[in-house]
Amino acid sequence: MYVADGEPLPATYEPVLRHVRAVAVGWLDPSHRYSVGSVDDEFVARLFEACRAHATARTRGYHRCPFCPADRDAGVGPTTVVRGRESVRVGDAKIRLVAKDGTWLVAPTLVLHYVTGHAYRPPSESSRPSRPTGLRPPDPGAARRAALGQCSGMSLERC
């Protein structure tokens, strides 16, 4: 399902608190061009960790890479990304990273494969809310605290 990088995330993709700005990153599709280039290793390491340990909204199946003929033709099953001695299966969840300004960058876990396997370059600093080193997973308890009114008017970073 394609959504242009930096566009507001459709409400059907991810429930988001009213005070949170959420934008799409990495919702690629073969019928649309995407930015190509290299990213630094620290960015890849953070992205790998986000997919490994902070994926949300897991599905009951896997979305295969639409750019890999083997994946497209294989049917069900995960795409796996290997980094050193670790591996992570992608295509069954989303990741949410928080920029320094509080914007949520929401991507399918397949974004890791797109970066490492297809040279996808997420939006540059000029169009992204923050540098990759400023990204972190959201506080999992922030949404609950906000819903209970404990964080009203505050940013996620202070909750």
N, C-alpha and C. Protein backbone atom coordinates (compact mmCIF):
# COMPACT_ATOMS: atom_id res chain seq x y z
N MET A 1 0.84 -1.17 0.00
CA MET A 1 0.00 0.00 0.00
C MET A 1 0.89 1.24 0.00
N TYR A 2 0.77 2.02 -1.01
CA TYR A 2 1.64 3.17 -1.19
C TYR A 2 1.12 4.41 -0.47
N VAL A 3 2.04 5.09 0.21
CA VAL A 3 1.81 6.42 0.75
C VAL A 3 3.12 7.17 0.53
N ALA A 4 3.08 8.35 -0.04
CA ALA A 4 4.29 9.12 -0.30
C ALA A 4 4.99 9.49 1.00
N ASP A 5 6.31 9.46 0.98
CA ASP A 5 7.09 9.85 2.15
C ASP A 5 6.72 11.25 2.60
N GLY A 6 6.55 11.41 3.90
CA GLY A 6 6.25 12.71 4.48
C GLY A 6 4.79 13.09 4.49
N GLU A 7 3.95 12.30 3.81
CA GLU A 7 2.51 12.58 3.81
C GLU A 7 1.93 12.17 5.16
N PRO A 8 0.86 12.82 5.58
CA PRO A 8 0.21 12.40 6.82
C PRO A 8 -0.20 10.93 6.71
N LEU A 9 0.00 10.21 7.76
CA LEU A 9 -0.35 8.80 7.76
C LEU A 9 -1.87 8.66 7.77
N PRO A 10 -2.43 7.90 6.83
CA PRO A 10 -3.89 7.71 6.84
C PRO A 10 -4.34 7.12 8.17
N ALA A 11 -5.44 7.60 8.70
CA ALA A 11 -5.95 7.14 9.99
C ALA A 11 -6.21 5.64 10.00
N THR A 12 -6.48 5.06 8.85
CA THR A 12 -6.73 3.62 8.80
C THR A 12 -5.44 2.81 8.96
N TYR A 13 -4.29 3.44 8.81
CA TYR A 13 -3.01 2.74 8.93
C TYR A 13 -2.54 2.62 10.37
N GLU A 14 -2.86 3.60 11.18
CA GLU A 14 -2.32 3.65 12.53
C GLU A 14 -3.15 4.59 13.38
N PRO A 15 -3.70 4.10 14.49
CA PRO A 15 -4.38 5.04 15.39
C PRO A 15 -3.34 5.92 16.08
N VAL A 16 -3.56 7.22 16.06
CA VAL A 16 -2.60 8.16 16.61
C VAL A 16 -3.33 9.13 17.53
N LEU A 17 -2.69 9.50 18.61
CA LEU A 17 -3.27 10.46 19.54
C LEU A 17 -3.47 11.80 18.84
N ARG A 18 -4.46 12.56 19.28
CA ARG A 18 -4.79 13.83 18.64
C ARG A 18 -3.62 14.80 18.56
N HIS A 19 -2.81 14.86 19.59
CA HIS A 19 -1.72 15.84 19.63
C HIS A 19 -0.45 15.37 18.91
N VAL A 20 -0.49 14.19 18.31
CA VAL A 20 0.69 13.64 17.64
C VAL A 20 0.57 13.83 16.14
N ARG A 21 1.64 14.31 15.52
CA ARG A 21 1.71 14.39 14.05
C ARG A 21 2.41 13.13 13.58
N ALA A 22 1.76 12.34 12.76
CA ALA A 22 2.34 11.10 12.25
C ALA A 22 2.45 11.18 10.73
N VAL A 23 3.64 10.85 10.21
CA VAL A 23 3.85 10.88 8.77
C VAL A 23 4.36 9.53 8.29
N ALA A 24 4.08 9.25 7.04
CA ALA A 24 4.47 7.98 6.42
C ALA A 24 5.90 8.04 5.91
N VAL A 25 6.61 6.94 6.08
CA VAL A 25 7.96 6.78 5.53
C VAL A 25 8.07 5.33 5.07
N GLY A 26 8.49 5.13 3.84
CA GLY A 26 8.79 3.78 3.37
C GLY A 26 7.61 2.92 2.96
N TRP A 27 6.48 3.51 2.65
CA TRP A 27 5.33 2.73 2.16
C TRP A 27 5.44 2.68 0.63
N LEU A 28 6.36 1.85 0.16
CA LEU A 28 6.72 1.81 -1.26
C LEU A 28 5.85 0.87 -2.07
N ASP A 29 5.86 1.11 -3.37
CA ASP A 29 5.10 0.31 -4.32
C ASP A 29 5.81 0.39 -5.67
N PRO A 30 5.86 -0.70 -6.43
CA PRO A 30 6.56 -0.68 -7.71
C PRO A 30 6.01 0.32 -8.72
N SER A 31 4.78 0.74 -8.57
CA SER A 31 4.22 1.68 -9.54
C SER A 31 4.60 3.14 -9.25
N HIS A 32 5.35 3.36 -8.18
CA HIS A 32 5.80 4.71 -7.82
C HIS A 32 7.31 4.72 -7.64
N ARG A 33 7.94 5.80 -8.10
CA ARG A 33 9.39 5.93 -7.93
C ARG A 33 9.70 6.24 -6.47
N TYR A 34 10.90 5.85 -6.06
CA TYR A 34 11.33 6.17 -4.70
C TYR A 34 12.77 6.68 -4.73
N SER A 35 13.14 7.37 -3.67
CA SER A 35 14.47 7.96 -3.57
C SER A 35 15.51 6.86 -3.35
N VAL A 36 16.60 6.92 -4.12
CA VAL A 36 17.66 5.92 -4.04
C VAL A 36 18.95 6.60 -3.57
N GLY A 37 19.69 5.91 -2.74
CA GLY A 37 20.97 6.44 -2.26
C GLY A 37 21.46 5.61 -1.09
N SER A 38 22.57 6.04 -0.52
CA SER A 38 23.12 5.31 0.61
C SER A 38 22.73 5.99 1.91
N VAL A 39 22.71 5.22 2.97
CA VAL A 39 22.48 5.74 4.32
C VAL A 39 23.62 5.25 5.19
N ASP A 40 23.90 5.97 6.26
CA ASP A 40 25.02 5.56 7.10
C ASP A 40 24.68 4.33 7.93
N ASP A 41 25.72 3.66 8.39
CA ASP A 41 25.56 2.41 9.12
C ASP A 41 24.80 2.61 10.43
N GLU A 42 24.97 3.75 11.07
CA GLU A 42 24.26 4.01 12.33
C GLU A 42 22.76 4.04 12.08
N PHE A 43 22.33 4.64 10.96
CA PHE A 43 20.92 4.66 10.63
C PHE A 43 20.40 3.24 10.44
N VAL A 44 21.14 2.42 9.69
CA VAL A 44 20.73 1.03 9.45
C VAL A 44 20.65 0.28 10.78
N ALA A 45 21.62 0.49 11.67
CA ALA A 45 21.63 -0.19 12.97
C ALA A 45 20.39 0.19 13.78
N ARG A 46 20.04 1.47 13.79
CA ARG A 46 18.85 1.92 14.53
C ARG A 46 17.57 1.36 13.90
N LEU A 47 17.53 1.34 12.60
CA LEU A 47 16.37 0.80 11.90
C LEU A 47 16.22 -0.70 12.18
N PHE A 48 17.34 -1.42 12.15
CA PHE A 48 17.34 -2.86 12.44
C PHE A 48 16.81 -3.09 13.86
N GLU A 49 17.31 -2.32 14.82
CA GLU A 49 16.88 -2.47 16.21
C GLU A 49 15.40 -2.15 16.37
N ALA A 50 14.94 -1.12 15.68
CA ALA A 50 13.51 -0.78 15.75
C ALA A 50 12.66 -1.93 15.23
N CYS A 51 13.07 -2.55 14.13
CA CYS A 51 12.32 -3.67 13.56
C CYS A 51 12.41 -4.91 14.45
N ARG A 52 13.57 -5.12 15.06
CA ARG A 52 13.79 -6.30 15.90
C ARG A 52 13.04 -6.21 17.23
N ALA A 53 13.09 -5.03 17.87
CA ALA A 53 12.60 -4.96 19.24
C ALA A 53 11.41 -4.03 19.46
N HIS A 54 11.04 -3.24 18.48
CA HIS A 54 9.98 -2.25 18.72
C HIS A 54 8.87 -2.26 17.68
N ALA A 55 8.71 -3.34 16.95
CA ALA A 55 7.65 -3.42 15.94
C ALA A 55 6.29 -3.45 16.63
N THR A 56 5.31 -2.83 16.00
CA THR A 56 3.95 -2.78 16.55
C THR A 56 2.96 -3.26 15.49
N ALA A 57 1.74 -3.43 15.92
CA ALA A 57 0.63 -3.78 15.01
C ALA A 57 0.98 -4.98 14.14
N ARG A 58 1.48 -6.03 14.75
CA ARG A 58 1.83 -7.24 14.00
C ARG A 58 0.58 -7.83 13.35
N THR A 59 0.79 -8.39 12.17
CA THR A 59 -0.31 -9.02 11.44
C THR A 59 -0.20 -10.54 11.56
N ARG A 60 -1.16 -11.23 11.03
CA ARG A 60 -1.16 -12.70 11.09
C ARG A 60 -0.46 -13.32 9.91
N GLY A 61 0.04 -12.51 9.02
CA GLY A 61 0.76 -13.00 7.85
C GLY A 61 1.83 -12.00 7.46
N TYR A 62 2.47 -12.25 6.33
CA TYR A 62 3.56 -11.41 5.88
C TYR A 62 3.24 -10.74 4.55
N HIS A 63 3.61 -9.49 4.45
CA HIS A 63 3.55 -8.78 3.18
C HIS A 63 4.94 -8.96 2.56
N ARG A 64 4.98 -9.51 1.37
CA ARG A 64 6.26 -9.78 0.70
C ARG A 64 6.78 -8.54 -0.01
N CYS A 65 8.07 -8.51 -0.25
CA CYS A 65 8.68 -7.39 -0.96
C CYS A 65 8.16 -7.38 -2.40
N PRO A 66 7.54 -6.28 -2.81
CA PRO A 66 7.01 -6.21 -4.16
C PRO A 66 8.08 -5.99 -5.23
N PHE A 67 9.33 -5.74 -4.81
CA PHE A 67 10.42 -5.49 -5.76
C PHE A 67 11.25 -6.74 -6.03
N CYS A 68 11.14 -7.75 -5.19
CA CYS A 68 11.93 -8.98 -5.35
C CYS A 68 11.08 -10.04 -6.05
N PRO A 69 11.48 -10.46 -7.26
CA PRO A 69 10.69 -11.48 -7.96
C PRO A 69 10.53 -12.76 -7.14
N ALA A 70 11.57 -13.18 -6.45
CA ALA A 70 11.48 -14.40 -5.64
C ALA A 70 10.45 -14.24 -4.54
N ASP A 71 10.41 -13.09 -3.90
CA ASP A 71 9.42 -12.83 -2.85
C ASP A 71 8.02 -12.77 -3.42
N ARG A 72 7.87 -12.08 -4.55
CA ARG A 72 6.55 -11.93 -5.17
C ARG A 72 5.97 -13.27 -5.55
N ASP A 73 6.82 -14.16 -6.07
CA ASP A 73 6.35 -15.44 -6.56
C ASP A 73 6.26 -16.52 -5.48
N ALA A 74 6.90 -16.29 -4.33
CA ALA A 74 6.98 -17.32 -3.30
C ALA A 74 5.69 -17.48 -2.52
N GLY A 75 4.85 -16.47 -2.52
CA GLY A 75 3.61 -16.58 -1.75
C GLY A 75 3.80 -16.12 -0.33
N VAL A 76 3.46 -16.98 0.62
CA VAL A 76 3.52 -16.60 2.03
C VAL A 76 4.91 -16.79 2.60
N GLY A 77 5.15 -16.15 3.71
CA GLY A 77 6.43 -16.27 4.40
C GLY A 77 7.13 -14.94 4.49
N PRO A 78 8.05 -14.85 5.42
CA PRO A 78 8.69 -13.55 5.66
C PRO A 78 9.87 -13.24 4.75
N THR A 79 10.19 -11.98 4.67
CA THR A 79 11.45 -11.51 4.12
C THR A 79 12.35 -11.36 5.34
N THR A 80 13.56 -11.86 5.27
CA THR A 80 14.47 -11.80 6.40
C THR A 80 15.66 -10.90 6.07
N VAL A 81 16.02 -10.04 7.01
CA VAL A 81 17.19 -9.17 6.88
C VAL A 81 18.22 -9.64 7.89
N VAL A 82 19.45 -9.86 7.42
CA VAL A 82 20.53 -10.33 8.28
C VAL A 82 21.51 -9.18 8.48
N ARG A 83 21.93 -9.00 9.72
CA ARG A 83 22.93 -7.98 10.07
C ARG A 83 23.88 -8.62 11.07
N GLY A 84 25.09 -8.88 10.62
CA GLY A 84 26.05 -9.57 11.49
C GLY A 84 25.54 -10.96 11.82
N ARG A 85 25.43 -11.26 13.10
CA ARG A 85 24.94 -12.58 13.54
C ARG A 85 23.45 -12.58 13.84
N GLU A 86 22.80 -11.46 13.66
CA GLU A 86 21.37 -11.37 13.96
C GLU A 86 20.56 -11.29 12.68
N SER A 87 19.32 -11.70 12.80
CA SER A 87 18.39 -11.57 11.68
C SER A 87 17.04 -11.13 12.22
N VAL A 88 16.27 -10.52 11.36
CA VAL A 88 14.92 -10.10 11.73
C VAL A 88 14.01 -10.33 10.54
N ARG A 89 12.84 -10.86 10.84
CA ARG A 89 11.81 -11.05 9.81
C ARG A 89 11.03 -9.75 9.69
N VAL A 90 10.77 -9.34 8.47
CA VAL A 90 10.05 -8.10 8.24
C VAL A 90 8.85 -8.35 7.33
N GLY A 91 7.93 -7.41 7.32
CA GLY A 91 6.76 -7.52 6.46
C GLY A 91 5.49 -7.88 7.21
N ASP A 92 5.56 -7.89 8.55
CA ASP A 92 4.38 -8.27 9.32
C ASP A 92 4.02 -7.25 10.40
N ALA A 93 4.61 -6.06 10.33
CA ALA A 93 4.36 -5.07 11.39
C ALA A 93 4.77 -3.69 10.92
N LYS A 94 4.63 -2.73 11.82
CA LYS A 94 5.05 -1.35 11.58
C LYS A 94 6.05 -0.96 12.65
N ILE A 95 6.83 0.07 12.34
CA ILE A 95 7.66 0.68 13.36
C ILE A 95 7.29 2.14 13.44
N ARG A 96 7.41 2.68 14.63
CA ARG A 96 7.17 4.11 14.85
C ARG A 96 8.42 4.67 15.49
N LEU A 97 8.97 5.68 14.85
CA LEU A 97 10.13 6.36 15.40
C LEU A 97 9.72 7.80 15.67
N VAL A 98 10.26 8.37 16.71
CA VAL A 98 9.90 9.72 17.09
C VAL A 98 11.06 10.65 16.79
N ALA A 99 10.79 11.68 16.00
CA ALA A 99 11.80 12.69 15.69
C ALA A 99 11.93 13.65 16.87
N LYS A 100 12.98 14.43 16.86
CA LYS A 100 13.22 15.38 17.96
C LYS A 100 12.07 16.34 18.17
N ASP A 101 11.35 16.67 17.10
CA ASP A 101 10.23 17.60 17.25
C ASP A 101 8.94 16.90 17.68
N GLY A 102 9.00 15.59 17.93
CA GLY A 102 7.83 14.84 18.38
C GLY A 102 7.03 14.18 17.28
N THR A 103 7.36 14.45 16.03
CA THR A 103 6.66 13.82 14.90
C THR A 103 6.92 12.33 14.91
N TRP A 104 5.87 11.55 14.70
CA TRP A 104 6.03 10.10 14.56
C TRP A 104 6.27 9.79 13.09
N LEU A 105 7.32 9.04 12.82
CA LEU A 105 7.60 8.52 11.49
C LEU A 105 7.17 7.07 11.52
N VAL A 106 6.15 6.73 10.76
CA VAL A 106 5.58 5.39 10.79
C VAL A 106 5.90 4.69 9.48
N ALA A 107 6.49 3.50 9.60
CA ALA A 107 6.92 2.75 8.41
C ALA A 107 6.58 1.28 8.58
N PRO A 108 6.38 0.58 7.48
CA PRO A 108 6.26 -0.87 7.57
C PRO A 108 7.66 -1.43 7.89
N THR A 109 7.72 -2.56 8.56
CA THR A 109 9.04 -3.13 8.85
C THR A 109 9.80 -3.48 7.58
N LEU A 110 9.11 -3.64 6.48
CA LEU A 110 9.79 -3.88 5.20
C LEU A 110 10.73 -2.75 4.82
N VAL A 111 10.59 -1.58 5.46
CA VAL A 111 11.48 -0.46 5.15
C VAL A 111 12.94 -0.85 5.37
N LEU A 112 13.20 -1.71 6.34
CA LEU A 112 14.58 -2.16 6.57
C LEU A 112 15.11 -2.90 5.34
N HIS A 113 14.31 -3.78 4.77
CA HIS A 113 14.70 -4.50 3.55
C HIS A 113 14.85 -3.53 2.37
N TYR A 114 13.93 -2.56 2.28
CA TYR A 114 14.02 -1.60 1.18
C TYR A 114 15.35 -0.82 1.26
N VAL A 115 15.76 -0.46 2.47
CA VAL A 115 17.01 0.28 2.65
C VAL A 115 18.21 -0.60 2.33
N THR A 116 18.24 -1.81 2.89
CA THR A 116 19.42 -2.68 2.72
C THR A 116 19.43 -3.45 1.41
N GLY A 117 18.28 -3.74 0.85
CA GLY A 117 18.23 -4.56 -0.35
C GLY A 117 17.94 -3.82 -1.65
N HIS A 118 17.38 -2.62 -1.54
CA HIS A 118 16.98 -1.90 -2.75
C HIS A 118 17.46 -0.45 -2.77
N ALA A 119 18.38 -0.12 -1.88
CA ALA A 119 19.00 1.21 -1.82
C ALA A 119 17.99 2.33 -1.63
N TYR A 120 16.85 2.01 -1.02
CA TYR A 120 15.87 3.07 -0.70
C TYR A 120 16.52 4.03 0.29
N ARG A 121 16.40 5.30 0.01
CA ARG A 121 16.90 6.33 0.91
C ARG A 121 15.71 7.09 1.46
N PRO A 122 15.45 6.93 2.76
CA PRO A 122 14.35 7.69 3.37
C PRO A 122 14.57 9.19 3.17
N PRO A 123 13.55 9.99 3.39
CA PRO A 123 13.65 11.42 3.14
C PRO A 123 14.90 12.05 3.75
N SER A 124 15.47 13.02 3.05
CA SER A 124 16.68 13.70 3.52
C SER A 124 16.35 14.62 4.68
N GLU A 125 17.39 15.12 5.30
CA GLU A 125 17.19 16.00 6.45
C GLU A 125 16.33 17.20 6.11
N SER A 126 16.41 17.66 4.88
CA SER A 126 15.63 18.84 4.52
C SER A 126 14.14 18.57 4.52
N SER A 127 13.73 17.31 4.31
CA SER A 127 12.30 17.01 4.30
C SER A 127 11.89 16.09 5.45
N ARG A 128 12.84 15.66 6.26
CA ARG A 128 12.55 14.79 7.40
C ARG A 128 12.61 15.64 8.66
N PRO A 129 11.79 15.37 9.65
CA PRO A 129 11.77 16.20 10.84
C PRO A 129 13.08 16.21 11.63
N SER A 130 13.92 15.21 11.47
CA SER A 130 15.12 15.12 12.30
C SER A 130 16.13 14.20 11.65
N ARG A 131 17.37 14.28 12.09
CA ARG A 131 18.40 13.36 11.61
C ARG A 131 18.10 11.95 12.12
N PRO A 132 18.59 10.91 11.42
CA PRO A 132 18.33 9.55 11.88
C PRO A 132 18.81 9.30 13.31
N THR A 133 19.89 9.93 13.72
CA THR A 133 20.40 9.71 15.06
C THR A 133 19.48 10.29 16.12
N GLY A 134 18.54 11.15 15.73
CA GLY A 134 17.61 11.72 16.68
C GLY A 134 16.35 10.88 16.84
N LEU A 135 16.26 9.77 16.17
CA LEU A 135 15.07 8.95 16.22
C LEU A 135 15.13 7.94 17.35
N ARG A 136 13.99 7.68 17.93
CA ARG A 136 13.89 6.68 18.98
C ARG A 136 12.49 6.10 18.95
N PRO A 137 12.32 4.88 19.45
CA PRO A 137 10.96 4.33 19.53
C PRO A 137 10.14 5.16 20.51
N PRO A 138 8.83 5.28 20.29
CA PRO A 138 8.01 6.02 21.24
C PRO A 138 7.92 5.28 22.58
N ASP A 139 7.68 6.03 23.62
CA ASP A 139 7.49 5.46 24.95
C ASP A 139 6.19 4.67 24.92
N PRO A 140 6.24 3.34 25.16
CA PRO A 140 5.02 2.54 25.05
C PRO A 140 3.94 2.93 26.05
N GLY A 141 4.30 3.52 27.16
CA GLY A 141 3.30 3.91 28.15
C GLY A 141 2.73 5.29 27.93
N ALA A 142 3.30 6.06 27.01
CA ALA A 142 2.86 7.44 26.80
C ALA A 142 1.42 7.52 26.34
N ALA A 143 1.03 6.64 25.42
CA ALA A 143 -0.34 6.67 24.91
C ALA A 143 -1.33 6.40 26.03
N ARG A 144 -1.02 5.43 26.87
CA ARG A 144 -1.93 5.12 27.99
C ARG A 144 -1.99 6.29 28.97
N ARG A 145 -0.84 6.88 29.30
CA ARG A 145 -0.82 8.01 30.23
C ARG A 145 -1.58 9.20 29.63
N ALA A 146 -1.41 9.40 28.32
CA ALA A 146 -2.12 10.50 27.67
C ALA A 146 -3.62 10.26 27.70
N ALA A 147 -4.02 9.02 27.45
CA ALA A 147 -5.44 8.68 27.47
C ALA A 147 -6.03 8.89 28.86
N LEU A 148 -5.23 8.71 29.88
CA LEU A 148 -5.69 8.90 31.25
C LEU A 148 -5.60 10.37 31.68
N GLY A 149 -5.09 11.22 30.79
CA GLY A 149 -5.01 12.63 31.09
C GLY A 149 -3.76 13.05 31.84
N GLN A 150 -2.81 12.15 32.01
CA GLN A 150 -1.61 12.48 32.76
C GLN A 150 -0.61 13.26 31.93
N CYS A 151 -0.79 13.31 30.64
CA CYS A 151 0.17 14.01 29.77
C CYS A 151 -0.49 15.07 28.93
N SER A 152 -1.67 15.49 29.27
CA SER A 152 -2.37 16.42 28.39
C SER A 152 -1.54 17.68 28.17
N GLY A 153 -1.36 18.02 26.90
CA GLY A 153 -0.61 19.19 26.53
C GLY A 153 0.90 19.02 26.53
N MET A 154 1.38 17.86 26.90
CA MET A 154 2.83 17.65 26.97
C MET A 154 3.28 16.84 25.77
N SER A 155 4.57 16.96 25.45
CA SER A 155 5.12 16.15 24.36
C SER A 155 5.40 14.75 24.88
N LEU A 156 5.53 13.80 23.98
CA LEU A 156 5.84 12.43 24.38
C LEU A 156 7.17 12.35 25.11
N GLU A 157 8.10 13.24 24.78
CA GLU A 157 9.41 13.19 25.41
C GLU A 157 9.36 13.48 26.89
N ARG A 158 8.35 14.22 27.35
CA ARG A 158 8.27 14.56 28.76
C ARG A 158 7.35 13.64 29.53
N CYS A 159 6.64 12.75 28.87
CA CYS A 159 5.70 11.86 29.55
C CYS A 159 6.45 10.76 30.28
